[in-house]
Amino acid sequence: MVDALPISNAEVQRIYDRRSRHYARTVGRFERRAHLRAIELAQISPGDKVLEVAVGPGTTLVEILARVEGDNVVHGVDISTGMLRQAARTAAAAGYANFELRQADARQLPYPDHSFDLVYNGYMLDLMNLQAIRAVLAEFRRVLRPGGRLVLVHVSKRHPERITGFERLYEALPKRLVPRVLGLCRPLAVEAYVREAGFVDVVREFVGGLMPSEIIVAHRSRP
């Protein structure tokens, strides 16, 4: 698995602020199939305390809100203030008010230990280098209650052990050209990293299509 290009939080925020108004109608359309399957696998109960990390334009947030009780506040974070504004508009337009959104780095979530039954994260890890992925998974584990569920979805490949042509090109191109030619993300296979972070009952499901993705479902181990 190739490592990601180094990119600062400020640069990520700038890029996704710019994309926020149009993301749901462009890239988001190709992500939706995997998101809907991941939400299904999340098995959200009405009383679950849920955190979505990287809420984006709010389309998945609305799916989560539709599955919880009306007085159950769903929490969401994103590094992009533009995405947070768009997510708030999307959820409000769908008739929901039981959500709380904050700007945050996924490596430093503004919540106490053991706050949530479910942490949901979509199309974020594929932007990050492996060191950052390990830090994020540790933070997800921290905020989950013992036995809580983690659901991840991100760009991937059918056979995790194989290096794809995309990955070879990602490594071969001059670093300044990679974002222009290939975009910011690359295929990930993170099952082993999830296990390494202390999660159990780890299951991987591949979703093909125009945005090949993997869904990882796992549980935080109990004491």
C-alpha atoms as a PDB file:
ATOM      1  CA  MET A   1       0.000   0.000   0.000  1.00  0.00           C
ATOM      2  CA  VAL A   2       1.500   3.318  -1.027  1.00  0.00           C
ATOM      3  CA  ASP A   3       1.748   6.143   1.465  1.00  0.00           C
ATOM      4  CA  ALA A   4      -0.011   9.458   0.952  1.00  0.00           C
ATOM      5  CA  LEU A   5       1.633  12.681  -0.049  1.00  0.00           C
ATOM      6  CA  PRO A   6       2.313  15.025   2.867  1.00  0.00           C
ATOM      7  CA  ILE A   7      -0.378  17.697   2.965  1.00  0.00           C
ATOM      8  CA  SER A   8      -1.113  20.212   5.699  1.00  0.00           C
ATOM      9  CA  ASN A   9      -4.419  20.632   7.483  1.00  0.00           C
ATOM     10  CA  ALA A  10      -4.602  24.164   6.120  1.00  0.00           C
ATOM     11  CA  GLU A  11      -4.310  22.894   2.552  1.00  0.00           C
ATOM     12  CA  VAL A  12      -6.950  20.194   3.104  1.00  0.00           C
ATOM     13  CA  GLN A  13      -9.277  22.781   4.618  1.00  0.00           C
ATOM     14  CA  ARG A  14      -8.740  25.164   1.706  1.00  0.00           C
ATOM     15  CA  ILE A  15      -9.450  22.459  -0.894  1.00  0.00           C
ATOM     16  CA  TYR A  16     -12.606  21.178   0.789  1.00  0.00           C
ATOM     17  CA  ASP A  17     -13.915  24.652   1.609  1.00  0.00           C
ATOM     18  CA  ARG A  18     -13.739  25.313  -2.129  1.00  0.00           C
ATOM     19  CA  ARG A  19     -15.462  22.034  -2.980  1.00  0.00           C
ATOM     20  CA  SER A  20     -18.152  22.191  -0.306  1.00  0.00           C
ATOM     21  CA  ARG A  21     -20.976  23.749  -2.356  1.00  0.00           C
ATOM     22  CA  HIS A  22     -20.679  21.271  -5.209  1.00  0.00           C
ATOM     23  CA  TYR A  23     -19.343  18.128  -3.504  1.00  0.00           C
ATOM     24  CA  ALA A  24     -22.700  16.389  -3.012  1.00  0.00           C
ATOM     25  CA  ARG A  25     -23.572  16.792  -6.714  1.00  0.00           C
ATOM     26  CA  THR A  26     -20.142  15.718  -8.002  1.00  0.00           C
ATOM     27  CA  VAL A  27     -17.836  13.389  -6.059  1.00  0.00           C
ATOM     28  CA  GLY A  28     -20.551  12.656  -3.502  1.00  0.00           C
ATOM     29  CA  ARG A  29     -22.709  10.966  -6.125  1.00  0.00           C
ATOM     30  CA  PHE A  30     -20.034   8.298  -6.629  1.00  0.00           C
ATOM     31  CA  GLU A  31     -19.566   7.779  -2.885  1.00  0.00           C
ATOM     32  CA  ARG A  32     -23.258   7.345  -2.105  1.00  0.00           C
ATOM     33  CA  ARG A  33     -23.584   3.636  -2.924  1.00  0.00           C
ATOM     34  CA  ALA A  34     -20.861   2.658  -0.449  1.00  0.00           C
ATOM     35  CA  HIS A  35     -22.153   5.104   2.162  1.00  0.00           C
ATOM     36  CA  LEU A  36     -25.645   3.597   2.067  1.00  0.00           C
ATOM     37  CA  ARG A  37     -24.259   0.085   2.439  1.00  0.00           C
ATOM     38  CA  ALA A  38     -22.004   1.212   5.310  1.00  0.00           C
ATOM     39  CA  ILE A  39     -24.955   2.838   7.095  1.00  0.00           C
ATOM     40  CA  GLU A  40     -26.865  -0.423   6.689  1.00  0.00           C
ATOM     41  CA  LEU A  41     -23.970  -2.383   8.203  1.00  0.00           C
ATOM     42  CA  ALA A  42     -23.700   0.129  11.060  1.00  0.00           C
ATOM     43  CA  GLN A  43     -27.038  -1.164  12.425  1.00  0.00           C
ATOM     44  CA  ILE A  44     -27.878   2.141  14.080  1.00  0.00           C
ATOM     45  CA  SER A  45     -30.367   1.889  16.949  1.00  0.00           C
ATOM     46  CA  PRO A  46     -32.624   4.836  17.899  1.00  0.00           C
ATOM     47  CA  GLY A  47     -30.789   5.439  21.167  1.00  0.00           C
ATOM     48  CA  ASP A  48     -27.223   5.120  19.858  1.00  0.00           C
ATOM     49  CA  LYS A  49     -24.857   8.001  20.558  1.00  0.00           C
ATOM     50  CA  VAL A  50     -23.258   8.599  17.154  1.00  0.00           C
ATOM     51  CA  LEU A  51     -20.274  10.614  15.978  1.00  0.00           C
ATOM     52  CA  GLU A  52     -19.636  11.158  12.273  1.00  0.00           C
ATOM     53  CA  VAL A  53     -16.067  12.222  11.539  1.00  0.00           C
ATOM     54  CA  ALA A  54     -15.683  14.104   8.234  1.00  0.00           C
ATOM     55  CA  VAL A  55     -19.360  14.972   7.785  1.00  0.00           C
ATOM     56  CA  GLY A  56     -18.723  16.549   4.389  1.00  0.00           C
ATOM     57  CA  PRO A  57     -21.854  18.107   2.870  1.00  0.00           C
ATOM     58  CA  GLY A  58     -24.166  16.291   5.282  1.00  0.00           C
ATOM     59  CA  THR A  59     -25.755  13.651   3.063  1.00  0.00           C
ATOM     60  CA  THR A  60     -24.644  10.797   5.335  1.00  0.00           C
ATOM     61  CA  LEU A  61     -25.464  12.834   8.437  1.00  0.00           C
ATOM     62  CA  VAL A  62     -29.085  12.944   7.256  1.00  0.00           C
ATOM     63  CA  GLU A  63     -29.125   9.144   6.889  1.00  0.00           C
ATOM     64  CA  ILE A  64     -27.868   8.809  10.468  1.00  0.00           C
ATOM     65  CA  LEU A  65     -30.407  11.324  11.787  1.00  0.00           C
ATOM     66  CA  ALA A  66     -33.205   9.373  10.115  1.00  0.00           C
ATOM     67  CA  ARG A  67     -32.297   6.345  12.246  1.00  0.00           C
ATOM     68  CA  VAL A  68     -32.084   7.886  15.735  1.00  0.00           C
ATOM     69  CA  GLU A  69     -34.696   9.296  18.096  1.00  0.00           C
ATOM     70  CA  GLY A  70     -35.648  12.930  17.620  1.00  0.00           C
ATOM     71  CA  ASP A  71     -34.181  13.990  20.974  1.00  0.00           C
ATOM     72  CA  ASN A  72     -30.934  12.087  20.420  1.00  0.00           C
ATOM     73  CA  VAL A  73     -28.214  14.534  19.336  1.00  0.00           C
ATOM     74  CA  VAL A  74     -25.911  13.271  16.568  1.00  0.00           C
ATOM     75  CA  HIS A  75     -22.425  14.772  16.675  1.00  0.00           C
ATOM     76  CA  GLY A  76     -20.301  15.549  13.642  1.00  0.00           C
ATOM     77  CA  VAL A  77     -16.891  17.039  12.942  1.00  0.00           C
ATOM     78  CA  ASP A  78     -15.015  18.162   9.869  1.00  0.00           C
ATOM     79  CA  ILE A  79     -11.795  20.061   9.281  1.00  0.00           C
ATOM     80  CA  SER A  80     -13.524  22.218   6.634  1.00  0.00           C
ATOM     81  CA  THR A  81     -15.723  25.062   7.837  1.00  0.00           C
ATOM     82  CA  GLY A  82     -17.307  25.169   4.382  1.00  0.00           C
ATOM     83  CA  MET A  83     -18.344  21.539   4.678  1.00  0.00           C
ATOM     84  CA  LEU A  84     -19.721  22.146   8.167  1.00  0.00           C
ATOM     85  CA  ARG A  85     -21.893  25.001   6.911  1.00  0.00           C
ATOM     86  CA  GLN A  86     -23.150  22.859   4.049  1.00  0.00           C
ATOM     87  CA  ALA A  87     -23.846  19.909   6.370  1.00  0.00           C
ATOM     88  CA  ALA A  88     -25.869  22.132   8.693  1.00  0.00           C
ATOM     89  CA  ARG A  89     -27.921  23.400   5.741  1.00  0.00           C
ATOM     90  CA  THR A  90     -28.492  19.868   4.445  1.00  0.00           C
ATOM     91  CA  ALA A  91     -29.662  18.535   7.812  1.00  0.00           C
ATOM     92  CA  ALA A  92     -31.874  21.557   8.523  1.00  0.00           C
ATOM     93  CA  ALA A  93     -33.437  21.357   5.054  1.00  0.00           C
ATOM     94  CA  ALA A  94     -34.311  17.715   5.773  1.00  0.00           C
ATOM     95  CA  GLY A  95     -36.151  18.830   8.911  1.00  0.00           C
ATOM     96  CA  TYR A  96     -33.611  17.907  11.585  1.00  0.00           C
ATOM     97  CA  ALA A  97     -32.354  20.021  14.474  1.00  0.00           C
ATOM     98  CA  ASN A  98     -30.883  17.300  16.733  1.00  0.00           C
ATOM     99  CA  PHE A  99     -27.285  17.614  15.567  1.00  0.00           C
ATOM    100  CA  GLU A 100     -24.173  19.376  16.790  1.00  0.00           C
ATOM    101  CA  LEU A 101     -21.288  20.126  14.420  1.00  0.00           C
ATOM    102  CA  ARG A 102     -17.748  21.213  15.295  1.00  0.00           C
ATOM    103  CA  GLN A 103     -14.562  21.940  13.419  1.00  0.00           C
ATOM    104  CA  ALA A 104     -11.909  19.466  14.529  1.00  0.00           C
ATOM    105  CA  ASP A 105      -8.870  17.447  13.521  1.00  0.00           C
ATOM    106  CA  ALA A 106      -9.710  13.731  13.627  1.00  0.00           C
ATOM    107  CA  ARG A 107      -6.455  13.126  15.512  1.00  0.00           C
ATOM    108  CA  GLN A 108      -7.685  15.320  18.383  1.00  0.00           C
ATOM    109  CA  LEU A 109     -11.421  14.872  18.793  1.00  0.00           C
ATOM    110  CA  PRO A 110     -13.079  17.295  21.252  1.00  0.00           C
ATOM    111  CA  TYR A 111     -14.926  14.591  23.212  1.00  0.00           C
ATOM    112  CA  PRO A 112     -14.253  12.695  26.451  1.00  0.00           C
ATOM    113  CA  ASP A 113     -13.259   9.041  26.515  1.00  0.00           C
ATOM    114  CA  HIS A 114     -16.032   6.506  25.929  1.00  0.00           C
ATOM    115  CA  SER A 115     -18.557   9.044  24.595  1.00  0.00           C
ATOM    116  CA  PHE A 116     -20.105   7.147  21.671  1.00  0.00           C
ATOM    117  CA  ASP A 117     -21.729   3.861  20.682  1.00  0.00           C
ATOM    118  CA  LEU A 118     -20.805   4.384  17.021  1.00  0.00           C
ATOM    119  CA  VAL A 119     -18.076   6.283  15.199  1.00  0.00           C
ATOM    120  CA  TYR A 120     -18.700   6.593  11.459  1.00  0.00           C
ATOM    121  CA  ASN A 121     -16.021   7.884   9.079  1.00  0.00           C
ATOM    122  CA  GLY A 122     -16.214   8.104   5.302  1.00  0.00           C
ATOM    123  CA  TYR A 123     -13.686   9.032   2.612  1.00  0.00           C
ATOM    124  CA  MET A 124     -11.106  10.632   4.872  1.00  0.00           C
ATOM    125  CA  LEU A 125      -8.444   8.031   5.647  1.00  0.00           C
ATOM    126  CA  ASP A 126      -7.581   7.696   1.944  1.00  0.00           C
ATOM    127  CA  LEU A 127      -6.206  11.263   2.104  1.00  0.00           C
ATOM    128  CA  MET A 128      -3.910  10.532   5.061  1.00  0.00           C
ATOM    129  CA  ASN A 129      -0.477   9.010   5.469  1.00  0.00           C
ATOM    130  CA  LEU A 130      -0.086   5.811   7.440  1.00  0.00           C
ATOM    131  CA  GLN A 131       1.217   7.541  10.561  1.00  0.00           C
ATOM    132  CA  ALA A 132      -1.852   9.790  10.647  1.00  0.00           C
ATOM    133  CA  ILE A 133      -4.162   6.810  10.052  1.00  0.00           C
ATOM    134  CA  ARG A 134      -2.738   5.081  13.121  1.00  0.00           C
ATOM    135  CA  ALA A 135      -3.267   8.248  15.185  1.00  0.00           C
ATOM    136  CA  VAL A 136      -6.855   8.612  13.957  1.00  0.00           C
ATOM    137  CA  LEU A 137      -7.731   4.989  14.721  1.00  0.00           C
ATOM    138  CA  ALA A 138      -6.346   5.382  18.244  1.00  0.00           C
ATOM    139  CA  GLU A 139      -8.524   8.466  18.700  1.00  0.00           C
ATOM    140  CA  PHE A 140     -11.604   6.657  17.378  1.00  0.00           C
ATOM    141  CA  ARG A 141     -10.963   3.879  19.887  1.00  0.00           C
ATOM    142  CA  ARG A 142     -10.581   6.412  22.704  1.00  0.00           C
ATOM    143  CA  VAL A 143     -13.981   8.056  22.173  1.00  0.00           C
ATOM    144  CA  LEU A 144     -15.849   4.771  21.682  1.00  0.00           C
ATOM    145  CA  ARG A 145     -17.454   2.998  24.588  1.00  0.00           C
ATOM    146  CA  PRO A 146     -16.268  -0.572  25.283  1.00  0.00           C
ATOM    147  CA  GLY A 147     -18.077  -2.736  22.756  1.00  0.00           C
ATOM    148  CA  GLY A 148     -18.850   0.315  20.597  1.00  0.00           C
ATOM    149  CA  ARG A 149     -18.818   0.081  16.816  1.00  0.00           C
ATOM    150  CA  LEU A 150     -16.500   1.616  14.251  1.00  0.00           C
ATOM    151  CA  VAL A 151     -17.581   1.910  10.614  1.00  0.00           C
ATOM    152  CA  LEU A 152     -15.127   3.124   7.982  1.00  0.00           C
ATOM    153  CA  VAL A 153     -15.598   3.608   4.246  1.00  0.00           C
ATOM    154  CA  HIS A 154     -12.920   4.835   1.850  1.00  0.00           C
ATOM    155  CA  VAL A 155     -11.418   4.385  -1.601  1.00  0.00           C
ATOM    156  CA  SER A 156      -9.932   0.908  -1.895  1.00  0.00           C
ATOM    157  CA  LYS A 157      -9.243  -2.048  -4.203  1.00  0.00           C
ATOM    158  CA  ARG A 158     -10.762  -5.499  -4.580  1.00  0.00           C
ATOM    159  CA  HIS A 159      -7.535  -7.355  -3.701  1.00  0.00           C
ATOM    160  CA  PRO A 160      -5.761  -5.630  -0.774  1.00  0.00           C
ATOM    161  CA  GLU A 161      -2.499  -7.493  -1.353  1.00  0.00           C
ATOM    162  CA  ARG A 162      -2.062  -6.256  -4.938  1.00  0.00           C
ATOM    163  CA  ILE A 163      -0.483  -2.994  -6.038  1.00  0.00           C
ATOM    164  CA  THR A 164      -2.690  -1.348  -8.657  1.00  0.00           C
ATOM    165  CA  GLY A 165      -1.674   0.669 -11.703  1.00  0.00           C
ATOM    166  CA  PHE A 166      -3.135   3.729  -9.992  1.00  0.00           C
ATOM    167  CA  GLU A 167      -0.797   3.231  -7.027  1.00  0.00           C
ATOM    168  CA  ARG A 168       2.241   2.778  -9.291  1.00  0.00           C
ATOM    169  CA  LEU A 169       1.386   5.995 -11.104  1.00  0.00           C
ATOM    170  CA  TYR A 170       0.780   7.759  -7.759  1.00  0.00           C
ATOM    171  CA  GLU A 171       4.330   6.880  -6.687  1.00  0.00           C
ATOM    172  CA  ALA A 172       5.958   7.538 -10.076  1.00  0.00           C
ATOM    173  CA  LEU A 173       4.551  11.002 -10.778  1.00  0.00           C
ATOM    174  CA  PRO A 174       6.358  14.091  -9.498  1.00  0.00           C
ATOM    175  CA  LYS A 175       4.706  14.996  -6.207  1.00  0.00           C
ATOM    176  CA  ARG A 176       3.533  18.399  -7.471  1.00  0.00           C
ATOM    177  CA  LEU A 177       1.555  16.700 -10.274  1.00  0.00           C
ATOM    178  CA  VAL A 178      -0.194  14.015  -8.216  1.00  0.00           C
ATOM    179  CA  PRO A 179      -3.057  16.238  -6.923  1.00  0.00           C
ATOM    180  CA  ARG A 180      -3.711  17.614 -10.418  1.00  0.00           C
ATOM    181  CA  VAL A 181      -3.594  14.259 -12.241  1.00  0.00           C
ATOM    182  CA  LEU A 182      -4.920  11.783  -9.662  1.00  0.00           C
ATOM    183  CA  GLY A 183      -6.537  13.844  -6.929  1.00  0.00           C
ATOM    184  CA  LEU A 184      -5.687  13.669  -3.242  1.00  0.00           C
ATOM    185  CA  CYS A 185      -6.795  10.129  -2.369  1.00  0.00           C
ATOM    186  CA  ARG A 186      -5.379   6.703  -3.160  1.00  0.00           C
ATOM    187  CA  PRO A 187      -6.678   3.139  -2.571  1.00  0.00           C
ATOM    188  CA  LEU A 188      -6.416   1.907   1.005  1.00  0.00           C
ATOM    189  CA  ALA A 189      -6.696  -1.477   2.687  1.00  0.00           C
ATOM    190  CA  VAL A 190      -6.813  -0.790   6.427  1.00  0.00           C
ATOM    191  CA  GLU A 191      -8.122  -3.989   8.001  1.00  0.00           C
ATOM    192  CA  ALA A 192      -4.699  -4.835   9.473  1.00  0.00           C
ATOM    193  CA  TYR A 193      -4.328  -1.305  10.887  1.00  0.00           C
ATOM    194  CA  VAL A 194      -7.768  -1.509  12.524  1.00  0.00           C
ATOM    195  CA  ARG A 195      -6.789  -4.770  14.234  1.00  0.00           C
ATOM    196  CA  GLU A 196      -3.450  -3.270  15.254  1.00  0.00           C
ATOM    197  CA  ALA A 197      -5.333  -0.367  16.899  1.00  0.00           C
ATOM    198  CA  GLY A 198      -7.086  -2.787  19.256  1.00  0.00           C
ATOM    199  CA  PHE A 199     -10.398  -3.347  17.491  1.00  0.00           C
ATOM    200  CA  VAL A 200     -11.997  -6.797  17.318  1.00  0.00           C
ATOM    201  CA  ASP A 201     -14.611  -8.567  15.194  1.00  0.00           C
ATOM    202  CA  VAL A 202     -13.189  -6.765  12.155  1.00  0.00           C
ATOM    203  CA  VAL A 203     -15.083  -7.385   8.897  1.00  0.00           C
ATOM    204  CA  ARG A 204     -14.209  -6.013   5.457  1.00  0.00           C
ATOM    205  CA  GLU A 205     -16.635  -5.643   2.543  1.00  0.00           C
ATOM    206  CA  PHE A 206     -15.637  -4.412  -0.911  1.00  0.00           C
ATOM    207  CA  VAL A 207     -18.018  -2.246  -2.957  1.00  0.00           C
ATOM    208  CA  GLY A 208     -17.189  -1.955  -6.648  1.00  0.00           C
ATOM    209  CA  GLY A 209     -18.276   0.645  -9.167  1.00  0.00           C
ATOM    210  CA  LEU A 210     -16.959   4.028 -10.273  1.00  0.00           C
ATOM    211  CA  MET A 211     -15.647   4.661  -6.746  1.00  0.00           C
ATOM    212  CA  PRO A 212     -14.231   1.263  -5.624  1.00  0.00           C
ATOM    213  CA  SER A 213     -14.392   1.295  -1.845  1.00  0.00           C
ATOM    214  CA  GLU A 214     -14.002  -0.860   1.222  1.00  0.00           C
ATOM    215  CA  ILE A 215     -16.217  -0.854   4.271  1.00  0.00           C
ATOM    216  CA  ILE A 216     -14.700  -1.879   7.577  1.00  0.00           C
ATOM    217  CA  VAL A 217     -16.912  -2.728  10.547  1.00  0.00           C
ATOM    218  CA  ALA A 218     -15.263  -3.395  13.898  1.00  0.00           C
ATOM    219  CA  HIS A 219     -15.846  -3.201  17.650  1.00  0.00           C
ATOM    220  CA  ARG A 220     -13.859  -1.611  20.422  1.00  0.00           C
ATOM    221  CA  SER A 221     -12.642  -4.404  22.660  1.00  0.00           C
ATOM    222  CA  ARG A 222     -14.181  -4.637  26.122  1.00  0.00           C
ATOM    223  CA  PRO A 223     -11.953  -4.414  29.224  1.00  0.00           C
END
